[in-house]
C-alpha atoms as a PDB file:
ATOM      1  CA  MET A   1       1.254  -2.313 -43.256  1.00  0.00           C
ATOM      2  CA  TRP A   2       0.528   1.592 -43.805  1.00  0.00           C
ATOM      3  CA  THR A   3       1.772   3.884 -46.843  1.00  0.00           C
ATOM      4  CA  ARG A   4       2.203   7.505 -47.290  1.00  0.00           C
ATOM      5  CA  GLU A   5      -0.365   7.628 -50.022  1.00  0.00           C
ATOM      6  CA  TYR A   6      -3.106   6.120 -47.870  1.00  0.00           C
ATOM      7  CA  LEU A   7      -2.121   8.143 -44.927  1.00  0.00           C
ATOM      8  CA  LYS A   8      -2.322  11.452 -46.932  1.00  0.00           C
ATOM      9  CA  THR A   9      -5.033  10.393 -48.973  1.00  0.00           C
ATOM     10  CA  ARG A  10      -7.372  10.092 -45.815  1.00  0.00           C
ATOM     11  CA  ALA A  11      -5.883  12.887 -44.491  1.00  0.00           C
ATOM     12  CA  LYS A  12      -7.055  15.214 -47.674  1.00  0.00           C
ATOM     13  CA  ALA A  13     -10.181  13.464 -47.495  1.00  0.00           C
ATOM     14  CA  VAL A  14     -10.915  14.667 -43.939  1.00  0.00           C
ATOM     15  CA  LEU A  15      -9.379  18.206 -44.346  1.00  0.00           C
ATOM     16  CA  ARG A  16     -12.085  18.654 -47.561  1.00  0.00           C
ATOM     17  CA  VAL A  17     -14.741  19.212 -44.821  1.00  0.00           C
ATOM     18  CA  SER A  18     -12.833  20.975 -42.226  1.00  0.00           C
ATOM     19  CA  TYR A  19      -9.828  22.492 -43.398  1.00  0.00           C
ATOM     20  CA  TRP A  20     -10.072  25.718 -41.451  1.00  0.00           C
ATOM     21  CA  LYS A  21     -10.854  24.232 -38.076  1.00  0.00           C
ATOM     22  CA  ALA A  22      -7.815  22.274 -38.358  1.00  0.00           C
ATOM     23  CA  PHE A  23      -5.607  25.845 -39.743  1.00  0.00           C
ATOM     24  CA  LEU A  24      -7.131  27.037 -36.605  1.00  0.00           C
ATOM     25  CA  VAL A  25      -6.255  23.830 -34.295  1.00  0.00           C
ATOM     26  CA  SER A  26      -2.431  23.557 -36.124  1.00  0.00           C
ATOM     27  CA  ILE A  27      -1.856  27.700 -35.260  1.00  0.00           C
ATOM     28  CA  ILE A  28      -2.426  26.844 -31.791  1.00  0.00           C
ATOM     29  CA  LEU A  29      -0.391  23.799 -31.673  1.00  0.00           C
ATOM     30  CA  GLY A  30       2.219  25.996 -33.169  1.00  0.00           C
ATOM     31  CA  ILE A  31       2.255  28.785 -30.577  1.00  0.00           C
ATOM     32  CA  ALA A  32       2.107  26.028 -28.160  1.00  0.00           C
ATOM     33  CA  GLY A  33       4.981  24.662 -29.019  1.00  0.00           C
ATOM     34  CA  ALA A  34       3.636  21.359 -30.517  1.00  0.00           C
ATOM     35  CA  ASN A  35       4.738  21.836 -33.857  1.00  0.00           C
ATOM     36  CA  GLY A  36       8.790  22.388 -33.747  1.00  0.00           C
ATOM     37  CA  GLY A  37      10.215  25.259 -34.576  1.00  0.00           C
ATOM     38  CA  GLY A  38      12.402  27.784 -32.465  1.00  0.00           C
ATOM     39  CA  GLY A  39      12.693  31.489 -31.638  1.00  0.00           C
ATOM     40  CA  GLY A  40      16.229  32.743 -31.584  1.00  0.00           C
ATOM     41  CA  GLY A  41      17.961  35.993 -31.550  1.00  0.00           C
ATOM     42  CA  GLY A  42      21.355  37.586 -31.962  1.00  0.00           C
ATOM     43  CA  GLY A  43      22.665  40.855 -31.249  1.00  0.00           C
ATOM     44  CA  GLY A  44      26.026  42.222 -32.054  1.00  0.00           C
ATOM     45  CA  GLY A  45      28.112  45.241 -31.193  1.00  0.00           C
ATOM     46  CA  SER A  46      31.414  47.765 -32.310  1.00  0.00           C
ATOM     47  CA  GLY A  47      33.026  45.659 -29.469  1.00  0.00           C
ATOM     48  CA  ASP A  48      33.170  49.128 -28.146  1.00  0.00           C
ATOM     49  CA  TYR A  49      33.105  48.864 -23.987  1.00  0.00           C
ATOM     50  CA  SER A  50      35.497  51.949 -23.696  1.00  0.00           C
ATOM     51  CA  GLY A  51      31.993  53.393 -22.333  1.00  0.00           C
ATOM     52  CA  TYR A  52      32.464  51.197 -18.907  1.00  0.00           C
ATOM     53  CA  SER A  53      34.276  53.136 -16.459  1.00  0.00           C
ATOM     54  CA  SER A  54      35.427  49.952 -14.700  1.00  0.00           C
ATOM     55  CA  SER A  55      35.844  46.372 -15.107  1.00  0.00           C
ATOM     56  CA  GLY A  56      32.989  46.152 -12.641  1.00  0.00           C
ATOM     57  CA  GLU A  57      30.706  48.056 -14.679  1.00  0.00           C
ATOM     58  CA  MET A  58      30.920  45.141 -17.404  1.00  0.00           C
ATOM     59  CA  ILE A  59      30.391  42.718 -15.163  1.00  0.00           C
ATOM     60  CA  ALA A  60      27.905  43.986 -13.225  1.00  0.00           C
ATOM     61  CA  ALA A  61      26.164  44.511 -16.801  1.00  0.00           C
ATOM     62  CA  ILE A  62      27.014  40.754 -17.660  1.00  0.00           C
ATOM     63  CA  ILE A  63      25.541  39.493 -14.836  1.00  0.00           C
ATOM     64  CA  PHE A  64      21.803  41.665 -15.410  1.00  0.00           C
ATOM     65  CA  ILE A  65      22.220  40.026 -18.936  1.00  0.00           C
ATOM     66  CA  LEU A  66      22.698  36.679 -17.646  1.00  0.00           C
ATOM     67  CA  VAL A  67      19.580  37.199 -15.440  1.00  0.00           C
ATOM     68  CA  VAL A  68      17.281  38.488 -18.001  1.00  0.00           C
ATOM     69  CA  VAL A  69      17.652  35.741 -20.125  1.00  0.00           C
ATOM     70  CA  ALA A  70      17.609  33.352 -17.630  1.00  0.00           C
ATOM     71  CA  ILE A  71      13.992  34.997 -16.462  1.00  0.00           C
ATOM     72  CA  VAL A  72      12.813  34.499 -20.704  1.00  0.00           C
ATOM     73  CA  MET A  73      13.534  31.316 -20.728  1.00  0.00           C
ATOM     74  CA  ALA A  74      12.317  30.063 -17.339  1.00  0.00           C
ATOM     75  CA  LEU A  75       8.939  32.144 -18.455  1.00  0.00           C
ATOM     76  CA  ALA A  76       9.189  30.339 -21.856  1.00  0.00           C
ATOM     77  CA  LEU A  77       9.860  26.672 -20.326  1.00  0.00           C
ATOM     78  CA  ALA A  78       6.691  27.214 -17.991  1.00  0.00           C
ATOM     79  CA  PHE A  79       4.494  28.153 -20.856  1.00  0.00           C
ATOM     80  CA  ARG A  80       5.456  25.450 -22.868  1.00  0.00           C
ATOM     81  CA  VAL A  81       5.364  22.923 -19.532  1.00  0.00           C
ATOM     82  CA  PHE A  82       2.002  24.309 -17.975  1.00  0.00           C
ATOM     83  CA  LEU A  83      -0.327  25.728 -21.023  1.00  0.00           C
ATOM     84  CA  GLY A  84       1.814  24.187 -24.417  1.00  0.00           C
ATOM     85  CA  TYR A  85       1.780  20.300 -23.196  1.00  0.00           C
ATOM     86  CA  PRO A  86      -1.658  19.986 -22.615  1.00  0.00           C
ATOM     87  CA  LEU A  87      -2.958  22.271 -25.859  1.00  0.00           C
ATOM     88  CA  GLU A  88      -0.995  19.560 -27.464  1.00  0.00           C
ATOM     89  CA  VAL A  89      -2.642  16.599 -26.308  1.00  0.00           C
ATOM     90  CA  GLY A  90      -6.037  18.375 -26.758  1.00  0.00           C
ATOM     91  CA  GLY A  91      -4.775  19.702 -30.142  1.00  0.00           C
ATOM     92  CA  ARG A  92      -3.732  15.594 -30.952  1.00  0.00           C
ATOM     93  CA  ARG A  93      -7.126  14.861 -29.714  1.00  0.00           C
ATOM     94  CA  PHE A  94      -9.119  16.905 -32.597  1.00  0.00           C
ATOM     95  CA  PHE A  95      -6.966  15.576 -34.946  1.00  0.00           C
ATOM     96  CA  VAL A  96      -7.590  12.174 -33.611  1.00  0.00           C
ATOM     97  CA  GLN A  97     -11.233  12.769 -33.965  1.00  0.00           C
ATOM     98  CA  ASN A  98     -11.620  14.612 -36.470  1.00  0.00           C
ATOM     99  CA  ALA A  99     -10.184  11.489 -38.737  1.00  0.00           C
ATOM    100  CA  GLN A 100     -12.288   9.253 -37.043  1.00  0.00           C
ATOM    101  CA  LEU A 101     -15.665  11.040 -37.425  1.00  0.00           C
ATOM    102  CA  GLU A 102     -14.435  12.581 -41.064  1.00  0.00           C
ATOM    103  CA  GLY A 103     -13.887  15.928 -40.595  1.00  0.00           C
ATOM    104  CA  MET A 104     -17.236  15.819 -38.476  1.00  0.00           C
ATOM    105  CA  SER A 105     -16.280  15.929 -35.226  1.00  0.00           C
ATOM    106  CA  SER A 106     -19.287  17.150 -32.516  1.00  0.00           C
ATOM    107  CA  GLU A 107     -16.961  18.560 -29.626  1.00  0.00           C
ATOM    108  CA  GLU A 108     -15.168  20.376 -32.752  1.00  0.00           C
ATOM    109  CA  LEU A 109     -12.377  23.353 -30.765  1.00  0.00           C
ATOM    110  CA  GLY A 110     -14.186  23.002 -27.571  1.00  0.00           C
ATOM    111  CA  VAL A 111     -11.806  19.702 -27.336  1.00  0.00           C
ATOM    112  CA  LEU A 112      -8.581  21.588 -27.732  1.00  0.00           C
ATOM    113  CA  GLY A 113      -9.306  22.335 -23.719  1.00  0.00           C
ATOM    114  CA  TYR A 114      -9.259  18.166 -23.211  1.00  0.00           C
ATOM    115  CA  ALA A 115      -6.235  18.168 -20.831  1.00  0.00           C
ATOM    116  CA  PHE A 116      -7.398  21.236 -18.581  1.00  0.00           C
ATOM    117  CA  ASN A 117      -9.871  19.142 -16.610  1.00  0.00           C
ATOM    118  CA  LYS A 118      -8.381  18.857 -13.227  1.00  0.00           C
ATOM    119  CA  GLU A 119      -8.129  14.831 -13.112  1.00  0.00           C
ATOM    120  CA  ARG A 120      -6.359  14.658 -16.112  1.00  0.00           C
ATOM    121  CA  TYR A 121      -3.883  18.264 -16.373  1.00  0.00           C
ATOM    122  CA  MET A 122      -1.287  17.071 -13.563  1.00  0.00           C
ATOM    123  CA  ASP A 123      -1.153  13.685 -15.219  1.00  0.00           C
ATOM    124  CA  ILE A 124      -0.567  14.738 -18.798  1.00  0.00           C
ATOM    125  CA  ILE A 125       1.788  17.372 -17.395  1.00  0.00           C
ATOM    126  CA  LYS A 126       3.951  14.546 -15.614  1.00  0.00           C
ATOM    127  CA  ALA A 127       4.025  12.128 -19.062  1.00  0.00           C
ATOM    128  CA  MET A 128       4.803  15.271 -21.293  1.00  0.00           C
ATOM    129  CA  LEU A 129       7.669  16.820 -19.107  1.00  0.00           C
ATOM    130  CA  TYR A 130       8.962  13.180 -18.676  1.00  0.00           C
ATOM    131  CA  LYS A 131       8.768  12.404 -22.724  1.00  0.00           C
ATOM    132  CA  GLY A 132      10.586  15.915 -22.926  1.00  0.00           C
ATOM    133  CA  VAL A 133      13.333  15.279 -20.368  1.00  0.00           C
ATOM    134  CA  MET A 134      14.018  11.542 -21.338  1.00  0.00           C
ATOM    135  CA  ASN A 135      14.479  12.797 -24.904  1.00  0.00           C
ATOM    136  CA  PHE A 136      16.791  15.994 -24.068  1.00  0.00           C
ATOM    137  CA  LEU A 137      19.026  13.489 -22.295  1.00  0.00           C
ATOM    138  CA  TRP A 138      19.669  11.066 -25.290  1.00  0.00           C
ATOM    139  CA  TYR A 139      20.010  14.604 -27.263  1.00  0.00           C
ATOM    140  CA  LEU A 140      22.805  15.098 -24.866  1.00  0.00           C
ATOM    141  CA  LEU A 141      24.716  11.950 -25.090  1.00  0.00           C
ATOM    142  CA  LEU A 142      24.472  11.764 -28.964  1.00  0.00           C
ATOM    143  CA  ILE A 143      22.646  13.624 -31.864  1.00  0.00           C
ATOM    144  CA  ILE A 144      21.370  10.469 -33.636  1.00  0.00           C
ATOM    145  CA  PRO A 145      19.987   8.634 -30.650  1.00  0.00           C
ATOM    146  CA  GLY A 146      18.272  11.198 -29.695  1.00  0.00           C
ATOM    147  CA  ILE A 147      16.508  12.082 -33.202  1.00  0.00           C
ATOM    148  CA  VAL A 148      16.083   8.352 -32.541  1.00  0.00           C
ATOM    149  CA  LYS A 149      13.803   8.862 -29.575  1.00  0.00           C
ATOM    150  CA  LYS A 150      11.889  11.466 -31.054  1.00  0.00           C
ATOM    151  CA  TYR A 151      10.208   8.773 -33.360  1.00  0.00           C
ATOM    152  CA  SER A 152       9.957   6.664 -30.454  1.00  0.00           C
ATOM    153  CA  TYR A 153       8.404   9.111 -28.340  1.00  0.00           C
ATOM    154  CA  MET A 154       5.760  10.933 -31.084  1.00  0.00           C
ATOM    155  CA  MET A 155       2.746   9.053 -30.389  1.00  0.00           C
ATOM    156  CA  VAL A 156       2.735  10.318 -26.863  1.00  0.00           C
ATOM    157  CA  PRO A 157       0.717  13.186 -26.815  1.00  0.00           C
ATOM    158  CA  TYR A 158      -1.913  10.827 -28.789  1.00  0.00           C
ATOM    159  CA  ILE A 159      -1.705   8.240 -26.350  1.00  0.00           C
ATOM    160  CA  LEU A 160      -2.497  10.337 -23.907  1.00  0.00           C
ATOM    161  CA  SER A 161      -5.725  12.485 -25.780  1.00  0.00           C
ATOM    162  CA  ASP A 162      -7.027   8.876 -25.553  1.00  0.00           C
ATOM    163  CA  ASN A 163      -5.922   8.067 -21.930  1.00  0.00           C
ATOM    164  CA  PRO A 164      -4.664  10.931 -19.620  1.00  0.00           C
ATOM    165  CA  ASN A 165      -4.046   8.904 -16.954  1.00  0.00           C
ATOM    166  CA  ILE A 166      -2.089   5.790 -18.489  1.00  0.00           C
ATOM    167  CA  GLY A 167       0.547   7.069 -16.749  1.00  0.00           C
ATOM    168  CA  TYR A 168       4.238   8.701 -17.885  1.00  0.00           C
ATOM    169  CA  LYS A 169       6.474   5.166 -18.223  1.00  0.00           C
ATOM    170  CA  ARG A 170       3.601   3.314 -19.946  1.00  0.00           C
ATOM    171  CA  ALA A 171       2.736   6.220 -22.566  1.00  0.00           C
ATOM    172  CA  LEU A 172       6.503   6.273 -23.120  1.00  0.00           C
ATOM    173  CA  GLU A 173       6.777   2.494 -23.472  1.00  0.00           C
ATOM    174  CA  LEU A 174       3.499   1.552 -25.266  1.00  0.00           C
ATOM    175  CA  SER A 175       4.400   5.123 -28.263  1.00  0.00           C
ATOM    176  CA  GLU A 176       8.208   2.628 -28.686  1.00  0.00           C
ATOM    177  CA  GLN A 177       5.843  -0.439 -29.193  1.00  0.00           C
ATOM    178  CA  MET A 178       3.767   1.432 -31.282  1.00  0.00           C
ATOM    179  CA  THR A 179       6.881   3.034 -33.039  1.00  0.00           C
ATOM    180  CA  TYR A 180       8.963  -0.169 -33.178  1.00  0.00           C
ATOM    181  CA  GLY A 181      10.102  -1.001 -36.972  1.00  0.00           C
ATOM    182  CA  HIS A 182       7.985   2.153 -38.645  1.00  0.00           C
ATOM    183  CA  LYS A 183      10.613   4.894 -37.041  1.00  0.00           C
ATOM    184  CA  PHE A 184      12.044   5.060 -40.536  1.00  0.00           C
ATOM    185  CA  ASN A 185       9.051   4.765 -42.574  1.00  0.00           C
ATOM    186  CA  ILE A 186       7.876   8.024 -40.268  1.00  0.00           C
ATOM    187  CA  PHE A 187      11.118   9.827 -41.102  1.00  0.00           C
ATOM    188  CA  ILE A 188      10.482   9.539 -44.833  1.00  0.00           C
ATOM    189  CA  LEU A 189       6.947  10.367 -43.854  1.00  0.00           C
ATOM    190  CA  GLU A 190       8.090  13.780 -42.653  1.00  0.00           C
ATOM    191  CA  LEU A 191      10.401  14.273 -45.568  1.00  0.00           C
ATOM    192  CA  SER A 192       7.803  13.790 -47.680  1.00  0.00           C
ATOM    193  CA  PHE A 193       6.019  17.475 -47.249  1.00  0.00           C
ATOM    194  CA  ILE A 194       9.473  19.195 -48.086  1.00  0.00           C
ATOM    195  CA  GLY A 195       7.912  20.078 -51.382  1.00  0.00           C
ATOM    196  CA  TRP A 196       4.585  21.693 -49.364  1.00  0.00           C
ATOM    197  CA  TYR A 197       6.888  23.581 -47.645  1.00  0.00           C
ATOM    198  CA  LEU A 198       9.339  24.807 -50.216  1.00  0.00           C
ATOM    199  CA  LEU A 199       6.012  25.885 -52.035  1.00  0.00           C
ATOM    200  CA  GLY A 200       5.243  27.881 -48.764  1.00  0.00           C
ATOM    201  CA  LEU A 201       8.225  29.658 -48.894  1.00  0.00           C
ATOM    202  CA  LEU A 202       7.600  31.084 -52.053  1.00  0.00           C
ATOM    203  CA  ALA A 203       4.773  33.268 -50.300  1.00  0.00           C
ATOM    204  CA  CYS A 204       7.214  34.910 -48.066  1.00  0.00           C
ATOM    205  CA  CYS A 205       6.870  31.882 -45.858  1.00  0.00           C
ATOM    206  CA  ILE A 206       3.376  32.669 -44.985  1.00  0.00           C
ATOM    207  CA  GLY A 207       2.451  29.895 -47.125  1.00  0.00           C
ATOM    208  CA  ILE A 208       4.180  27.508 -44.706  1.00  0.00           C
ATOM    209  CA  ILE A 209       1.197  27.798 -41.779  1.00  0.00           C
ATOM    210  CA  PHE A 210      -1.497  26.107 -44.605  1.00  0.00           C
ATOM    211  CA  VAL A 211       0.790  23.622 -44.960  1.00  0.00           C
ATOM    212  CA  THR A 212       0.638  21.959 -40.761  1.00  0.00           C
ATOM    213  CA  PRO A 213      -3.233  21.020 -40.705  1.00  0.00           C
ATOM    214  CA  TYR A 214      -2.112  18.825 -44.050  1.00  0.00           C
ATOM    215  CA  VAL A 215       1.038  17.490 -41.785  1.00  0.00           C
ATOM    216  CA  ASP A 216      -1.455  17.092 -38.143  1.00  0.00           C
ATOM    217  CA  ALA A 217      -3.788  15.336 -40.103  1.00  0.00           C
ATOM    218  CA  THR A 218      -1.769  12.876 -41.483  1.00  0.00           C
ATOM    219  CA  MET A 219      -0.353  12.288 -38.507  1.00  0.00           C
ATOM    220  CA  ALA A 220      -3.477  11.821 -36.622  1.00  0.00           C
ATOM    221  CA  GLU A 221      -3.977   8.783 -39.325  1.00  0.00           C
ATOM    222  CA  LEU A 222      -0.401   7.378 -38.511  1.00  0.00           C
ATOM    223  CA  TYR A 223      -1.390   7.014 -35.420  1.00  0.00           C
ATOM    224  CA  LEU A 224      -4.707   5.822 -35.270  1.00  0.00           C
ATOM    225  CA  VAL A 225      -3.365   3.299 -37.924  1.00  0.00           C
ATOM    226  CA  LEU A 226      -0.309   2.291 -35.241  1.00  0.00           C
ATOM    227  CA  ARG A 227      -2.709   2.406 -32.321  1.00  0.00           C
ATOM    228  CA  ARG A 228      -5.100  -0.509 -34.179  1.00  0.00           C
ATOM    229  CA  GLN A 229      -1.835  -2.062 -34.588  1.00  0.00           C
ATOM    230  CA  ALA A 230      -0.405  -2.183 -30.896  1.00  0.00           C
ATOM    231  CA  ILE A 231      -4.471  -3.510 -30.230  1.00  0.00           C
ATOM    232  CA  GLU A 232      -4.206  -6.743 -32.560  1.00  0.00           C
ATOM    233  CA  LYS A 233      -0.764  -7.939 -31.418  1.00  0.00           C
ATOM    234  CA  ASN A 234      -2.108  -6.983 -27.948  1.00  0.00           C
ATOM    235  CA  LEU A 235       0.453  -4.799 -26.633  1.00  0.00           C
ATOM    236  CA  CYS A 236      -2.714  -3.073 -25.344  1.00  0.00           C
ATOM    237  CA  THR A 237      -6.339  -3.393 -25.064  1.00  0.00           C
ATOM    238  CA  CYS A 238      -9.643  -0.827 -25.815  1.00  0.00           C
ATOM    239  CA  GLU A 239      -9.851  -0.558 -22.027  1.00  0.00           C
ATOM    240  CA  GLU A 240      -6.475   0.553 -21.587  1.00  0.00           C
ATOM    241  CA  LEU A 241      -6.694   3.674 -24.284  1.00  0.00           C
ATOM    242  CA  MET A 242     -10.768   4.210 -23.197  1.00  0.00           C
ATOM    243  CA  LEU A 243     -11.452   3.117 -26.100  1.00  0.00           C
ATOM    244  CA  ASP A 244     -15.187   1.754 -27.276  1.00  0.00           C
ATOM    245  CA  SER A 245     -13.995  -0.021 -30.556  1.00  0.00           C
ATOM    246  CA  ILE A 246     -11.602   0.247 -32.824  1.00  0.00           C
ATOM    247  CA  LEU A 247     -11.877   1.537 -36.703  1.00  0.00           C
ATOM    248  CA  HIS A 248     -10.553  -0.988 -39.683  1.00  0.00           C
ATOM    249  CA  ASP A 249      -9.954   0.433 -42.922  1.00  0.00           C
ATOM    250  CA  ASP A 250     -13.326  -0.965 -44.501  1.00  0.00           C
ATOM    251  CA  GLY A 251     -15.142   0.841 -41.777  1.00  0.00           C
ATOM    252  CA  ILE A 252     -16.306  -1.758 -39.806  1.00  0.00           C
ATOM    253  CA  SER A 253     -15.699  -0.803 -35.894  1.00  0.00           C
ATOM    254  CA  GLU A 254     -14.865  -4.384 -33.829  1.00  0.00           C
ATOM    255  CA  TYR A 255     -16.077  -3.928 -30.048  1.00  0.00           C
END
């Protein structure tokens, strides 16, 4: 069984060697929409519509606004799906490799383009899109089931970073198996970063971005633990995840 202290200690050790590379990858993940957050804006007016000569002009203006909003949303969705998803998988692969090699990743930042290979790209898009749609449908059902499924599916990009051709249904199934019995502890793990986020807020919110590499590195450590447990429980194999070996806590690799 893993502990928060174990994961965070390992993450800190890795970041001592590679913090600024990890920082850059976390920024890219944030831009790609992989680290949560979202923008929103609202506008207001005086409520005086006397400038419209007829109700027809008002309706035309409303339709125009709705069309513009729909186009912006469609572009944002296309960006998230066709660029954000591949970057997320590449970013997770970076953090996993960084954790395994203790900050000495031989591929370094070039791994961000891992998902853009033509043999991987569409399989990754399908799996990540399927994950997003399924999670959205659970949120439509009720908020709590949606949150639960969020934690059930959170290992999908990590699984795809190991084997992008594993299949969209299998990726979700394996993620659910990996996180079974761990979801509440993962929730507490995420809550444990609140103190760091509050400190980041003191620096006009800018400090928050310096915390994200720590969070991303910790989650990569979590995946390595859950992946090892899944292999030991025969939920999957090294071959299925395209691994040469698994690394144990004592640093010994088993082939």
